[in-house]
Structures are given as structure tokens and as C-alpha cells.
C-alpha atoms as a PDB file:
ATOM      1  CA  MET A   1     126.964  68.193 135.523  1.00  0.00           C
ATOM      2  CA  SER A   2     130.613  69.826 135.196  1.00  0.00           C
ATOM      3  CA  GLU A   3     128.895  72.920 133.482  1.00  0.00           C
ATOM      4  CA  ILE A   4     126.407  73.385 136.566  1.00  0.00           C
ATOM      5  CA  ASN A   5     129.510  73.134 139.005  1.00  0.00           C
ATOM      6  CA  HIS A   6     131.332  75.618 136.996  1.00  0.00           C
ATOM      7  CA  ALA A   7     128.530  77.987 136.821  1.00  0.00           C
ATOM      8  CA  PHE A   8     127.786  77.802 140.618  1.00  0.00           C
ATOM      9  CA  LYS A   9     131.625  78.125 141.110  1.00  0.00           C
ATOM     10  CA  ASN A  10     131.597  81.520 138.884  1.00  0.00           C
ATOM     11  CA  LEU A  11     128.432  82.494 140.642  1.00  0.00           C
ATOM     12  CA  PHE A  12     130.323  82.261 144.288  1.00  0.00           C
ATOM     13  CA  LEU A  13     133.300  83.715 143.015  1.00  0.00           C
ATOM     14  CA  SER A  14     131.618  86.959 141.541  1.00  0.00           C
ATOM     15  CA  SER A  15     129.735  87.251 144.859  1.00  0.00           C
ATOM     16  CA  ILE A  16     132.835  87.508 146.746  1.00  0.00           C
ATOM     17  CA  GLY A  17     134.270  89.813 144.548  1.00  0.00           C
ATOM     18  CA  ALA A  18     131.219  92.101 144.795  1.00  0.00           C
ATOM     19  CA  MET A  19     131.552  92.051 148.531  1.00  0.00           C
ATOM     20  CA  VAL A  20     135.321  92.917 148.266  1.00  0.00           C
ATOM     21  CA  LEU A  21     134.689  95.627 145.840  1.00  0.00           C
ATOM     22  CA  THR A  22     131.812  97.282 147.794  1.00  0.00           C
ATOM     23  CA  ALA A  23     134.132  97.085 150.791  1.00  0.00           C
ATOM     24  CA  GLU A  24     136.915  98.992 148.943  1.00  0.00           C
ATOM     25  CA  LYS A  25     134.606 101.445 147.201  1.00  0.00           C
ATOM     26  CA  SER A  26     132.507 102.139 150.739  1.00  0.00           C
ATOM     27  CA  LYS A  27     135.959 102.779 152.510  1.00  0.00           C
ATOM     28  CA  SER A  28     137.200 105.355 149.698  1.00  0.00           C
ATOM     29  CA  LEU A  29     133.738 106.894 149.957  1.00  0.00           C
ATOM     30  CA  MET A  30     134.010 107.357 153.881  1.00  0.00           C
ATOM     31  CA  GLU A  31     137.409 108.741 153.645  1.00  0.00           C
ATOM     32  CA  GLN A  32     136.141 111.084 151.013  1.00  0.00           C
ATOM     33  CA  LEU A  33     133.046 112.175 153.094  1.00  0.00           C
ATOM     34  CA  ILE A  34     135.692 112.749 156.135  1.00  0.00           C
ATOM     35  CA  ASN A  35     137.880 114.933 154.351  1.00  0.00           C
ATOM     36  CA  LYS A  36     134.926 116.984 153.043  1.00  0.00           C
ATOM     37  CA  GLY A  37     133.656 117.457 156.579  1.00  0.00           C
ATOM     38  CA  GLU A  38     137.082 118.233 157.805  1.00  0.00           C
ATOM     39  CA  ILE A  39     137.198 121.048 155.024  1.00  0.00           C
ATOM     40  CA  THR A  40     133.464 122.193 155.726  1.00  0.00           C
ATOM     41  CA  ILE A  41     134.331 122.670 159.301  1.00  0.00           C
ATOM     42  CA  GLU A  42     137.833 124.639 159.013  1.00  0.00           C
ATOM     43  CA  GLN A  43     136.135 127.082 156.234  1.00  0.00           C
ATOM     44  CA  GLY A  44     133.378 127.668 158.921  1.00  0.00           C
ATOM     45  CA  LYS A  45     135.971 128.393 161.675  1.00  0.00           C
ATOM     46  CA  ILE A  46     137.449 130.988 159.088  1.00  0.00           C
ATOM     47  CA  LEU A  47     134.194 132.376 158.282  1.00  0.00           C
ATOM     48  CA  ASN A  48     133.428 132.775 161.943  1.00  0.00           C
ATOM     49  CA  GLN A  49     136.733 134.430 162.824  1.00  0.00           C
ATOM     50  CA  GLU A  50     136.372 136.924 159.776  1.00  0.00           C
ATOM     51  CA  LEU A  51     132.561 137.804 160.990  1.00  0.00           C
ATOM     52  CA  LYS A  52     134.137 138.174 164.495  1.00  0.00           C
ATOM     53  CA  ARG A  53     136.583 140.723 163.231  1.00  0.00           C
ATOM     54  CA  ASN A  54     134.189 142.374 161.121  1.00  0.00           C
ATOM     55  CA  ILE A  55     131.670 142.837 163.984  1.00  0.00           C
ATOM     56  CA  GLU A  56     134.558 144.265 166.348  1.00  0.00           C
ATOM     57  CA  TRP A  57     135.649 146.626 163.423  1.00  0.00           C
ATOM     58  CA  VAL A  58     132.119 147.944 163.419  1.00  0.00           C
ATOM     59  CA  ILE A  59     131.967 148.257 167.086  1.00  0.00           C
ATOM     60  CA  SER A  60     135.180 150.240 166.688  1.00  0.00           C
ATOM     61  CA  GLU A  61     133.845 152.427 164.313  1.00  0.00           C
ATOM     62  CA  THR A  62     130.643 152.833 166.054  1.00  0.00           C
ATOM     63  CA  SER A  63     132.516 153.763 169.141  1.00  0.00           C
ATOM     64  CA  THR A  64     134.435 156.507 167.484  1.00  0.00           C
ATOM     65  CA  THR A  65     131.819 157.995 165.620  1.00  0.00           C
ATOM     66  CA  SER A  66     129.028 158.155 168.331  1.00  0.00           C
ATOM     67  CA  GLY A  67     131.311 158.738 171.484  1.00  0.00           C
ATOM     68  CA  GLU A  68     129.271 155.746 172.910  1.00  0.00           C
ATOM     69  CA  HIS A  69     131.001 152.341 173.314  1.00  0.00           C
ATOM     70  CA  VAL A  70     129.144 149.147 172.253  1.00  0.00           C
ATOM     71  CA  THR A  71     130.476 145.982 173.316  1.00  0.00           C
ATOM     72  CA  PHE A  72     130.470 142.891 171.427  1.00  0.00           C
ATOM     73  CA  GLU A  73     128.047 141.106 173.217  1.00  0.00           C
ATOM     74  CA  GLU A  74     125.495 143.823 172.963  1.00  0.00           C
ATOM     75  CA  ILE A  75     125.817 143.672 169.207  1.00  0.00           C
ATOM     76  CA  LEU A  76     125.407 139.786 168.866  1.00  0.00           C
ATOM     77  CA  SER A  77     122.393 140.382 171.700  1.00  0.00           C
ATOM     78  CA  GLU A  78     120.975 142.658 169.034  1.00  0.00           C
ATOM     79  CA  VAL A  79     121.713 140.514 165.791  1.00  0.00           C
ATOM     80  CA  GLU A  80     119.969 137.466 167.459  1.00  0.00           C
ATOM     81  CA  GLN A  81     116.730 139.510 167.539  1.00  0.00           C
ATOM     82  CA  LEU A  82     117.032 140.115 163.570  1.00  0.00           C
ATOM     83  CA  ASN A  83     114.449 138.594 161.421  1.00  0.00           C
ATOM     84  CA  THR A  84     115.664 136.565 158.636  1.00  0.00           C
ATOM     85  CA  GLU A  85     115.212 139.293 155.978  1.00  0.00           C
ATOM     86  CA  ASP A  86     117.566 141.463 158.232  1.00  0.00           C
ATOM     87  CA  LEU A  87     120.007 138.723 158.937  1.00  0.00           C
ATOM     88  CA  LYS A  88     120.473 138.045 155.181  1.00  0.00           C
ATOM     89  CA  THR A  89     120.792 141.911 154.670  1.00  0.00           C
ATOM     90  CA  LEU A  90     123.516 141.717 157.351  1.00  0.00           C
ATOM     91  CA  HIS A  91     125.135 138.750 155.885  1.00  0.00           C
ATOM     92  CA  ASP A  92     125.379 140.424 152.793  1.00  0.00           C
ATOM     93  CA  LYS A  93     126.757 143.525 153.653  1.00  0.00           C
ATOM     94  CA  LEU A  94     129.352 141.904 155.851  1.00  0.00           C
ATOM     95  CA  ASN A  95     130.221 139.662 152.754  1.00  0.00           C
ATOM     96  CA  LYS A  96     130.888 142.827 150.921  1.00  0.00           C
ATOM     97  CA  MET A  97     132.948 144.440 153.720  1.00  0.00           C
ATOM     98  CA  ILE A  98     135.227 141.413 153.688  1.00  0.00           C
ATOM     99  CA  THR A  99     135.533 141.372 149.919  1.00  0.00           C
ATOM    100  CA  THR A 100     136.386 145.079 149.905  1.00  0.00           C
ATOM    101  CA  ASN A 101     138.750 144.988 152.952  1.00  0.00           C
ATOM    102  CA  HIS A 102     140.330 141.788 151.541  1.00  0.00           C
ATOM    103  CA  SER A 103     141.032 143.192 147.990  1.00  0.00           C
END
């Protein structure tokens, strides 16, 4: 009988230990996910700012070479109408400009 009680006691204690360990691990995982999310948001903000600066630079270059002023909103309106392939091409060119300007 004592052996059965001991086995049940061990089973009970291991169940409690498993619950505590799960709670600790899930808290740690949640903190990691929150940190990753915050980092991703910050990186997105930085990329957004760089994109805006590059578009503004393109606007200024376009204005000086053609003599006609194009607003940022007008360019964004045109960009919104691009198809996926053209958007990818624009994205690649902007990334190349970022790399070239920041080197």
C-alpha cells in the first residue's frame, strides 16, 4: 500500500512541477515574442522613413530635371496603381539606392 501511495504522490508532484515549468516557459516565450514584435515594428518604421526620404529625393530630382514639380502624394498615387511586378522592381531599385546612398 505504501508503494502505491508513494507512486501517486510522485505522480501528483510531477504534475504540479509540469504545470509550473509550463507556466515559466510560456512566460519566457511570451516575452521573447513581444521583444521580436517590438523590434519588427521599429525596423518597419525605419524602412518607412527611408522609403519616404528616397521618394522625396526622387521628387526633387524629377523636379529639377524636368522643370515640373511633382508632389509626394502624386507619386504615391501612381505607385498605388502599379502591379505586383512593377512594385517589386521599384522596391529593388529603392533598396539599391539606399545601399548606394548609405555606403
